[in-house]
Amino acid sequence: MKCFYLVHFIFVVFSTTLFQETFIFEPLFLGARAVGLGGGFSAFPADGTAILYNPAALTAVGNHELHISTGTADEDLAVGAVAGFMNNNQVGILYFRHNQNPQSEEGLILNFATPYHPQWRFGINVHYLMFDKNYLSDLLDLDLGFFWKPLPPIQTSLALQHLLGAGVDSLDAQIDRHLTWDVFYCPPLFKKRVNFGFGVQKLHNRSLDQFLEPNFRMGGGLEIFFFQKRNLGFRSGVSYQKRSGQTQTQVSAGFSAKIFKRFHKYALDYALQVDADQTSSLNHYVTLSYGLGSEVDRTPPEVDLAADSSFSPNGDGEMDHLYFKLHCQDDEGGSGLAAWSLIICQKKDSVRVNIVKSFSGGNVPPAVIEWNGQDAYDNHLAPGEYFCRLLAEDKNRNPAVSPWYRVVIKK
């Protein structure tokens, strides 16, 4: 319910603020992997160009990276760098150029992204946009981005782009706002070797009547990786755009190749894009990236907890113990488990809980833990409801938390 109100608030604020109308900006479609997946990739990004789509994307990129992307569609170019520091926070800088008729555009983006919660991540872009002499306009702008992982195989992202669009010249020119939502699904059976991406981008300017017009872009794709570190991958996607009464459908295909050599990573991404209405129109996109240090594991461990729903530790020899079954495993190619903890709590009121017993350790936990119904001081707990949860953290400080599991101590 809280998520519903948050999204509703975002839409209201995003769509009802009135500014002077100047319709001058088309969304930038750059980065070989993004093109290859039809634009639906920012919920599971792989290089620094992803900050063009979602400012929170750098939380999924390696600690230190240099990257360059180019495309033949509008002579696009993007050059950037990413640096990581303590607690998995990331900063990035990106220069891009986009020659779009009838005007050209270039800009500089400064980014900060942080994984402030196990399931939520946040990022912010501050960028300075420069337009050619036909518009005589420079713009200072702001983007906000969020990541949410509701379930282990599903990642979703939401970005609000060009919130300010504040012109700094006499024309007081404005820029379109973008609301982008992406979702990525990684079937657990394939362990991130088969991924599905889908995204929707709503475009509108500052006036409410323009928001009601069906200006949007949507797209999605499939990618398949091979080898243990996903060194080689292939992808295909399709995108559909409707803008000012005109529609465009584009089909794309591409591949990824990665080489890991000690603490260095070299990656090449390529995409070929074809306009479905003009098959003779072929566009090529290439992204080259270099990572310093091992590829950073941003995926939390998989955790699950199970047990009987009740027991009666009264010493009669029947159901005196409860056996917790623990599942705690880091993802393939991850940094490995560092610590785990099983906590048993008693509710004090509707909000607070009191930890009465805990089990903890390092590395991999045991498959089964036996509990005799006593607290941390070996006192027998009173009959009633208790709530249990398994927590784990890998060596790269990615935390994971299982849902609350309810057990009842009977007399």
Protein backbone atom coordinates (compact mmCIF):
# COMPACT_ATOMS: atom_id res chain seq x y z
CA MET A 1 0.00 0.00 0.00
CA LYS A 2 2.86 2.39 0.79
CA CYS A 3 4.37 1.64 -2.64
CA PHE A 4 1.04 2.49 -4.28
CA TYR A 5 0.88 5.89 -2.57
CA LEU A 6 4.52 6.58 -3.46
CA VAL A 7 3.97 5.82 -7.14
CA HIS A 8 0.72 7.85 -7.14
CA PHE A 9 2.53 10.80 -5.60
CA ILE A 10 5.32 10.56 -8.18
CA PHE A 11 2.83 10.60 -11.06
CA VAL A 12 0.95 13.60 -9.66
CA VAL A 13 4.06 15.67 -9.02
CA PHE A 14 5.60 14.55 -12.27
CA SER A 15 2.66 15.50 -14.41
CA THR A 16 0.95 18.57 -13.01
CA THR A 17 3.74 21.14 -12.62
CA LEU A 18 3.34 23.78 -15.34
CA PHE A 19 6.27 25.33 -17.15
CA GLN A 20 6.80 27.13 -20.42
CA GLU A 21 6.54 24.63 -23.27
CA THR A 22 9.48 24.04 -25.60
CA PHE A 23 9.43 20.59 -27.18
CA ILE A 24 13.12 20.04 -28.00
CA PHE A 25 14.38 16.77 -26.58
CA GLU A 26 14.14 13.16 -27.66
CA PRO A 27 15.25 10.37 -25.26
CA LEU A 28 18.80 9.21 -25.77
CA PHE A 29 19.09 5.57 -26.84
CA LEU A 30 22.75 4.67 -26.36
CA GLY A 31 24.76 1.69 -25.16
CA ALA A 32 25.08 -1.58 -27.08
CA ARG A 33 23.49 -3.76 -24.39
CA ALA A 34 20.58 -1.35 -23.94
CA VAL A 35 19.91 -1.29 -27.68
CA GLY A 36 20.25 -5.07 -27.94
CA LEU A 37 17.56 -5.53 -25.28
CA GLY A 38 15.16 -3.01 -26.77
CA GLY A 39 15.87 -0.52 -23.98
CA GLY A 40 14.62 -2.78 -21.18
CA PHE A 41 17.91 -3.29 -19.37
CA SER A 42 18.42 -0.69 -16.63
CA ALA A 43 17.04 -3.03 -13.92
CA PHE A 44 20.06 -5.29 -14.58
CA PRO A 45 22.81 -3.01 -16.02
CA ALA A 46 26.33 -4.05 -16.95
CA ASP A 47 28.27 -0.85 -17.67
CA GLY A 48 28.35 2.83 -16.79
CA THR A 49 26.23 3.97 -19.74
CA ALA A 50 23.26 2.75 -17.70
CA ILE A 51 23.16 6.06 -15.79
CA LEU A 52 21.58 7.54 -18.92
CA TYR A 53 18.56 5.37 -18.12
CA ASN A 54 18.62 5.15 -14.32
CA PRO A 55 20.91 7.00 -11.87
CA ALA A 56 20.84 4.05 -9.43
CA ALA A 57 22.37 1.73 -12.04
CA LEU A 58 25.96 2.14 -10.87
CA THR A 59 25.23 0.04 -7.79
CA ALA A 60 25.32 -2.97 -10.15
CA VAL A 61 28.55 -2.00 -11.95
CA GLY A 62 32.11 -2.90 -10.94
CA ASN A 63 34.13 -0.87 -8.48
CA HIS A 64 36.28 0.94 -11.05
CA GLU A 65 35.50 1.13 -14.75
CA LEU A 66 36.23 3.09 -17.91
CA HIS A 67 33.82 2.80 -20.81
CA ILE A 68 33.14 4.27 -24.23
CA SER A 69 30.05 3.79 -26.41
CA THR A 70 29.25 4.92 -29.92
CA GLY A 71 26.43 4.46 -32.40
CA THR A 72 25.86 5.24 -36.06
CA ALA A 73 22.20 6.30 -35.70
CA ASP A 74 22.94 9.93 -34.79
CA GLU A 75 26.73 9.75 -34.45
CA ASP A 76 26.18 9.16 -30.74
CA LEU A 77 29.13 9.06 -28.39
CA ALA A 78 29.44 8.47 -24.65
CA VAL A 79 32.63 8.34 -22.58
CA GLY A 80 32.63 7.80 -18.85
CA ALA A 81 34.28 6.51 -15.71
CA VAL A 82 33.00 4.81 -12.56
CA ALA A 83 34.68 4.63 -9.16
CA GLY A 84 33.57 2.73 -6.08
CA PHE A 85 34.31 3.51 -2.46
CA MET A 86 33.32 2.31 0.99
CA ASN A 87 30.04 0.47 1.62
CA ASN A 88 29.48 -0.25 -2.09
CA ASN A 89 28.72 3.40 -2.89
CA GLN A 90 29.50 4.47 -6.45
CA VAL A 91 30.30 7.74 -8.18
CA GLY A 92 30.44 8.25 -11.92
CA ILE A 93 31.01 10.83 -14.61
CA LEU A 94 29.76 10.61 -18.18
CA TYR A 95 30.15 12.84 -21.22
CA PHE A 96 27.77 12.23 -24.13
CA ARG A 97 27.02 13.72 -27.53
CA HIS A 98 23.85 13.19 -29.54
CA ASN A 99 23.48 14.65 -33.05
CA GLN A 100 19.72 14.66 -33.45
CA ASN A 101 18.10 16.61 -36.26
CA PRO A 102 17.42 19.46 -36.25
CA GLN A 103 19.64 20.11 -33.23
CA SER A 104 22.64 18.54 -31.57
CA GLU A 105 23.00 17.93 -27.89
CA GLU A 106 25.86 17.17 -25.56
CA GLY A 107 26.12 16.98 -21.85
CA LEU A 108 28.06 16.07 -18.75
CA ILE A 109 26.53 13.88 -16.03
CA LEU A 110 27.76 13.54 -12.46
CA ASN A 111 26.32 10.55 -10.62
CA PHE A 112 26.10 9.19 -7.09
CA ALA A 113 24.49 5.83 -6.28
CA THR A 114 24.18 3.95 -3.01
CA PRO A 115 22.71 0.58 -1.90
CA TYR A 116 21.11 2.04 1.21
CA HIS A 117 18.87 -1.01 1.84
CA PRO A 118 19.13 -4.73 1.01
CA GLN A 119 16.18 -4.44 -1.38
CA TRP A 120 16.26 -0.75 -2.28
CA ARG A 121 18.96 1.28 -4.02
CA PHE A 122 19.04 4.96 -4.84
CA GLY A 123 20.90 7.19 -7.28
CA ILE A 124 20.97 10.80 -8.42
CA ASN A 125 22.24 12.49 -11.58
CA VAL A 126 23.16 16.13 -11.95
CA HIS A 127 23.79 17.01 -15.56
CA TYR A 128 24.59 20.01 -17.62
CA LEU A 129 23.10 19.88 -21.13
CA MET A 130 24.36 22.01 -24.01
CA PHE A 131 22.49 22.62 -27.26
CA ASP A 132 23.68 24.03 -30.56
CA LYS A 133 23.27 27.55 -31.90
CA ASN A 134 19.79 26.87 -33.22
CA TYR A 135 18.51 26.85 -29.66
CA LEU A 136 21.16 28.89 -27.85
CA SER A 137 20.27 27.06 -24.67
CA ASP A 138 22.11 25.39 -21.85
CA LEU A 139 20.16 23.42 -19.25
CA LEU A 140 20.87 22.31 -15.72
CA ASP A 141 18.95 19.16 -14.88
CA LEU A 142 18.36 16.48 -12.27
CA ASP A 143 17.47 12.76 -12.39
CA LEU A 144 16.40 10.42 -9.59
CA GLY A 145 16.56 6.63 -9.79
CA PHE A 146 15.45 3.72 -7.62
CA PHE A 147 16.06 -0.04 -7.64
CA TRP A 148 13.78 -2.53 -5.96
CA LYS A 149 14.20 -6.29 -5.67
CA PRO A 150 10.82 -7.68 -4.53
CA LEU A 151 11.84 -11.31 -5.12
CA PRO A 152 15.26 -12.93 -5.75
CA PRO A 153 14.70 -13.58 -9.49
CA ILE A 154 13.05 -10.19 -10.15
CA GLN A 155 14.65 -6.76 -10.24
CA THR A 156 12.83 -3.57 -11.11
CA SER A 157 13.86 0.05 -11.49
CA LEU A 158 12.11 3.40 -11.63
CA ALA A 159 13.69 6.61 -12.92
CA LEU A 160 12.41 10.18 -13.03
CA GLN A 161 14.52 12.06 -15.54
CA HIS A 162 14.84 15.76 -16.34
CA LEU A 163 13.00 16.96 -13.25
CA LEU A 164 14.26 20.54 -13.48
CA GLY A 165 14.98 21.40 -17.09
CA ALA A 166 15.93 24.86 -15.87
CA GLY A 167 17.07 27.06 -18.77
CA VAL A 168 19.94 29.44 -18.03
CA ASP A 169 19.58 31.67 -21.06
CA SER A 170 17.10 34.28 -22.25
CA LEU A 171 15.00 31.73 -24.16
CA ASP A 172 14.16 29.90 -20.95
CA ALA A 173 13.93 26.68 -22.97
CA GLN A 174 12.60 23.55 -21.34
CA ILE A 175 13.19 19.84 -21.72
CA ASP A 176 10.81 16.89 -21.71
CA ARG A 177 10.40 14.82 -18.60
CA HIS A 178 10.80 11.06 -18.70
CA LEU A 179 9.31 8.46 -16.39
CA THR A 180 11.04 5.12 -16.97
CA TRP A 181 10.11 1.76 -15.47
CA ASP A 182 12.07 -1.43 -16.15
CA VAL A 183 11.73 -4.97 -14.86
CA PHE A 184 14.22 -7.79 -15.27
CA TYR A 185 13.59 -11.48 -14.64
CA CYS A 186 16.36 -14.02 -14.12
CA PRO A 187 14.90 -17.57 -13.87
CA PRO A 188 16.60 -19.29 -10.89
CA LEU A 189 16.93 -22.51 -12.88
CA PHE A 190 19.40 -20.87 -15.28
CA LYS A 191 21.42 -18.97 -12.63
CA LYS A 192 21.47 -15.63 -14.50
CA ARG A 193 22.48 -17.23 -17.77
CA VAL A 194 19.05 -16.52 -19.26
CA ASN A 195 17.52 -13.11 -18.60
CA PHE A 196 14.39 -11.29 -19.72
CA GLY A 197 14.13 -7.50 -19.71
CA PHE A 198 11.20 -5.16 -20.33
CA GLY A 199 10.87 -1.41 -20.00
CA VAL A 200 8.40 1.44 -20.53
CA GLN A 201 9.32 5.12 -20.85
CA LYS A 202 6.63 7.83 -20.66
CA LEU A 203 7.52 11.10 -22.34
CA HIS A 204 5.84 14.46 -21.84
CA ASN A 205 6.57 18.12 -21.41
CA ARG A 206 5.49 20.36 -18.53
CA SER A 207 1.83 20.82 -19.42
CA LEU A 208 -0.87 18.46 -18.17
CA ASP A 209 -2.56 18.14 -21.57
CA GLN A 210 0.71 16.91 -23.06
CA PHE A 211 1.01 14.32 -20.32
CA LEU A 212 -2.31 12.85 -21.40
CA GLU A 213 -1.05 12.37 -24.95
CA PRO A 214 0.19 8.83 -25.69
CA ASN A 215 3.88 9.67 -26.10
CA PHE A 216 5.89 6.69 -24.91
CA ARG A 217 8.49 4.10 -25.73
CA MET A 218 8.43 0.47 -24.70
CA GLY A 219 10.66 -2.48 -25.44
CA GLY A 220 12.12 -5.70 -24.19
CA GLY A 221 14.48 -8.51 -24.99
CA LEU A 222 16.10 -11.80 -24.12
CA GLU A 223 19.76 -12.58 -23.51
CA ILE A 224 21.59 -15.88 -23.04
CA PHE A 225 25.09 -16.25 -21.53
CA PHE A 226 27.59 -19.08 -21.66
CA PHE A 227 30.51 -20.23 -19.48
CA GLN A 228 30.97 -19.85 -15.73
CA LYS A 229 31.59 -16.10 -15.66
CA ARG A 230 29.16 -15.39 -18.49
CA ASN A 231 32.06 -14.63 -20.80
CA LEU A 232 29.96 -14.84 -23.96
CA GLY A 233 26.37 -13.80 -24.45
CA PHE A 234 23.83 -13.18 -27.18
CA ARG A 235 20.71 -11.03 -27.05
CA SER A 236 17.78 -9.86 -29.11
CA GLY A 237 15.10 -7.26 -28.55
CA VAL A 238 12.39 -5.07 -30.01
CA SER A 239 11.27 -1.53 -29.20
CA TYR A 240 8.19 0.48 -30.11
CA GLN A 241 7.86 4.25 -29.87
CA LYS A 242 4.90 6.59 -30.38
CA ARG A 243 5.57 10.31 -30.44
CA SER A 244 3.40 13.15 -31.76
CA GLY A 245 1.20 10.74 -33.71
CA GLN A 246 4.14 8.96 -35.37
CA THR A 247 5.16 5.38 -34.55
CA GLN A 248 8.42 3.51 -34.97
CA THR A 249 9.29 -0.15 -34.42
CA GLN A 250 12.89 -1.30 -34.21
CA VAL A 251 14.36 -4.80 -33.96
CA SER A 252 17.84 -5.41 -32.56
CA ALA A 253 20.35 -8.19 -31.93
CA GLY A 254 23.78 -8.26 -30.39
CA PHE A 255 26.42 -10.04 -28.36
CA SER A 256 28.73 -9.58 -25.37
CA ALA A 257 32.26 -10.85 -24.90
CA LYS A 258 34.25 -10.58 -21.66
CA ILE A 259 37.82 -11.51 -20.79
CA PHE A 260 38.97 -11.74 -17.17
CA LYS A 261 42.69 -11.60 -16.46
CA ARG A 262 43.55 -11.49 -12.79
CA PHE A 263 42.18 -8.15 -11.55
CA HIS A 264 41.29 -6.82 -14.98
CA LYS A 265 38.13 -7.12 -17.03
CA TYR A 266 37.84 -6.34 -20.73
CA ALA A 267 34.36 -6.27 -22.27
CA LEU A 268 32.93 -5.71 -25.73
CA ASP A 269 29.22 -5.25 -26.48
CA TYR A 270 27.81 -4.91 -29.97
CA ALA A 271 24.26 -4.36 -31.23
CA LEU A 272 22.68 -4.12 -34.65
CA GLN A 273 19.40 -2.25 -34.90
CA VAL A 274 16.97 -2.33 -37.82
CA ASP A 275 13.93 -0.13 -38.39
CA ALA A 276 11.02 -2.48 -39.11
CA ASP A 277 9.50 0.04 -41.56
CA GLN A 278 12.79 0.78 -43.33
CA THR A 279 14.82 -2.42 -43.39
CA SER A 280 17.59 -0.67 -45.31
CA SER A 281 18.20 1.54 -42.27
CA LEU A 282 20.85 -0.29 -40.21
CA ASN A 283 22.42 1.18 -37.09
CA HIS A 284 25.44 -0.19 -35.27
CA TYR A 285 26.30 0.30 -31.59
CA VAL A 286 29.52 -0.62 -29.79
CA THR A 287 30.45 -0.37 -26.11
CA LEU A 288 33.98 -1.01 -24.85
CA SER A 289 34.69 -1.17 -21.14
CA TYR A 290 37.65 -1.86 -18.90
CA GLY A 291 37.26 -2.80 -15.27
CA LEU A 292 39.99 -2.60 -12.66
CA GLY A 293 39.67 -5.15 -9.90
CA SER A 294 37.58 -8.30 -9.86
CA GLU A 295 34.01 -8.02 -11.04
CA VAL A 296 32.06 -6.76 -8.07
CA ASP A 297 29.37 -9.03 -6.71
CA ARG A 298 26.21 -6.96 -6.18
CA THR A 299 23.88 -9.93 -5.74
CA PRO A 300 22.84 -10.84 -2.18
CA PRO A 301 22.81 -14.49 -1.06
CA GLU A 302 19.73 -16.65 -1.34
CA VAL A 303 18.19 -17.35 2.08
CA ASP A 304 15.18 -19.36 3.16
CA LEU A 305 13.91 -20.66 6.49
CA ALA A 306 11.50 -23.50 7.26
CA ALA A 307 10.34 -25.38 10.37
CA ASP A 308 7.28 -26.93 11.97
CA SER A 309 4.68 -24.36 12.90
CA SER A 310 4.56 -25.35 16.59
CA PHE A 311 6.17 -27.46 19.35
CA SER A 312 5.79 -28.01 23.10
CA PRO A 313 9.11 -28.05 25.03
CA ASN A 314 7.58 -29.33 28.29
CA GLY A 315 9.88 -32.30 28.81
CA ASP A 316 7.33 -35.02 28.04
CA GLY A 317 9.46 -36.41 25.25
CA GLU A 318 7.09 -35.39 22.46
CA MET A 319 7.75 -32.37 20.26
CA ASP A 320 10.21 -30.98 22.80
CA HIS A 321 12.47 -29.51 20.11
CA LEU A 322 11.99 -27.45 16.97
CA TYR A 323 14.23 -28.05 13.97
CA PHE A 324 14.95 -25.09 11.70
CA LYS A 325 15.92 -25.92 8.13
CA LEU A 326 18.26 -23.28 6.77
CA HIS A 327 18.99 -22.55 3.14
CA CYS A 328 21.74 -20.00 2.64
CA GLN A 329 23.75 -19.90 -0.56
CA ASP A 330 25.67 -17.22 -2.41
CA ASP A 331 25.10 -16.82 -6.13
CA GLU A 332 27.39 -18.62 -8.57
CA GLY A 333 30.54 -16.61 -9.10
CA GLY A 334 29.82 -14.52 -6.00
CA SER A 335 32.25 -13.50 -3.29
CA GLY A 336 31.10 -16.20 -0.84
CA LEU A 337 29.24 -16.08 2.46
CA ALA A 338 30.79 -14.09 5.29
CA ALA A 339 28.28 -14.29 8.16
CA TRP A 340 24.81 -15.50 9.03
CA SER A 341 22.38 -15.17 11.92
CA LEU A 342 19.11 -16.83 12.91
CA ILE A 343 17.09 -14.64 15.27
CA ILE A 344 14.01 -15.61 17.31
CA CYS A 345 11.86 -12.71 18.43
CA GLN A 346 8.82 -11.97 20.53
CA LYS A 347 6.53 -9.08 19.68
CA LYS A 348 6.40 -6.36 22.31
CA ASP A 349 3.77 -4.33 20.48
CA SER A 350 2.57 -3.79 16.92
CA VAL A 351 5.88 -2.26 15.87
CA ARG A 352 8.76 -3.43 18.09
CA VAL A 353 10.17 -6.91 18.53
CA ASN A 354 12.42 -8.28 21.23
CA ILE A 355 15.15 -10.78 20.30
CA VAL A 356 15.02 -13.64 22.80
CA LYS A 357 17.41 -16.09 21.15
CA SER A 358 19.88 -16.08 18.29
CA PHE A 359 22.26 -18.42 16.50
CA SER A 360 25.08 -17.03 14.37
CA GLY A 361 28.33 -17.90 12.69
CA GLY A 362 30.58 -17.31 9.71
CA ASN A 363 30.70 -18.82 6.25
CA VAL A 364 28.01 -21.41 5.49
CA PRO A 365 25.44 -22.15 8.23
CA PRO A 366 24.41 -25.70 9.18
CA ALA A 367 21.52 -27.20 7.26
CA VAL A 368 19.53 -27.80 10.48
CA ILE A 369 19.49 -25.98 13.82
CA GLU A 370 17.79 -27.47 16.88
CA TRP A 371 16.01 -25.20 19.38
CA ASN A 372 14.74 -26.32 22.76
CA GLY A 373 12.46 -23.35 23.43
CA GLN A 374 14.88 -21.55 25.76
CA ASP A 375 16.07 -17.93 25.56
CA ALA A 376 19.64 -16.65 25.48
CA TYR A 377 19.93 -17.20 29.26
CA ASP A 378 18.66 -20.80 29.12
CA ASN A 379 15.30 -19.85 30.60
CA HIS A 380 12.18 -21.55 29.27
CA LEU A 381 10.10 -19.17 27.23
CA ALA A 382 6.41 -18.72 27.90
CA PRO A 383 3.89 -20.28 25.53
CA GLY A 384 2.87 -18.02 22.68
CA GLU A 385 3.82 -16.75 19.24
CA TYR A 386 7.42 -16.20 18.22
CA PHE A 387 8.83 -14.92 14.96
CA CYS A 388 12.03 -16.14 13.36
CA ARG A 389 14.20 -14.75 10.57
CA LEU A 390 17.42 -15.77 8.81
CA LEU A 391 19.94 -13.08 7.90
CA ALA A 392 23.11 -13.48 5.84
CA GLU A 393 25.82 -11.35 4.29
CA ASP A 394 28.40 -12.20 1.64
CA LYS A 395 32.02 -11.09 1.64
CA ASN A 396 31.13 -8.05 -0.44
CA ARG A 397 28.65 -6.91 2.22
CA ASN A 398 25.53 -7.71 0.24
CA PRO A 399 22.87 -8.50 2.88
CA ALA A 400 19.94 -10.88 2.57
CA VAL A 401 16.94 -11.34 4.86
CA SER A 402 14.32 -14.08 4.82
CA PRO A 403 10.64 -13.37 5.47
CA TRP A 404 9.39 -13.68 9.04
CA TYR A 405 8.52 -17.25 10.00
CA ARG A 406 5.92 -17.75 12.73
CA VAL A 407 6.19 -20.55 15.31
CA VAL A 408 4.08 -21.26 18.37
CA ILE A 409 5.25 -22.63 21.70
CA LYS A 410 2.49 -24.72 23.24
CA LYS A 411 2.08 -25.76 26.87
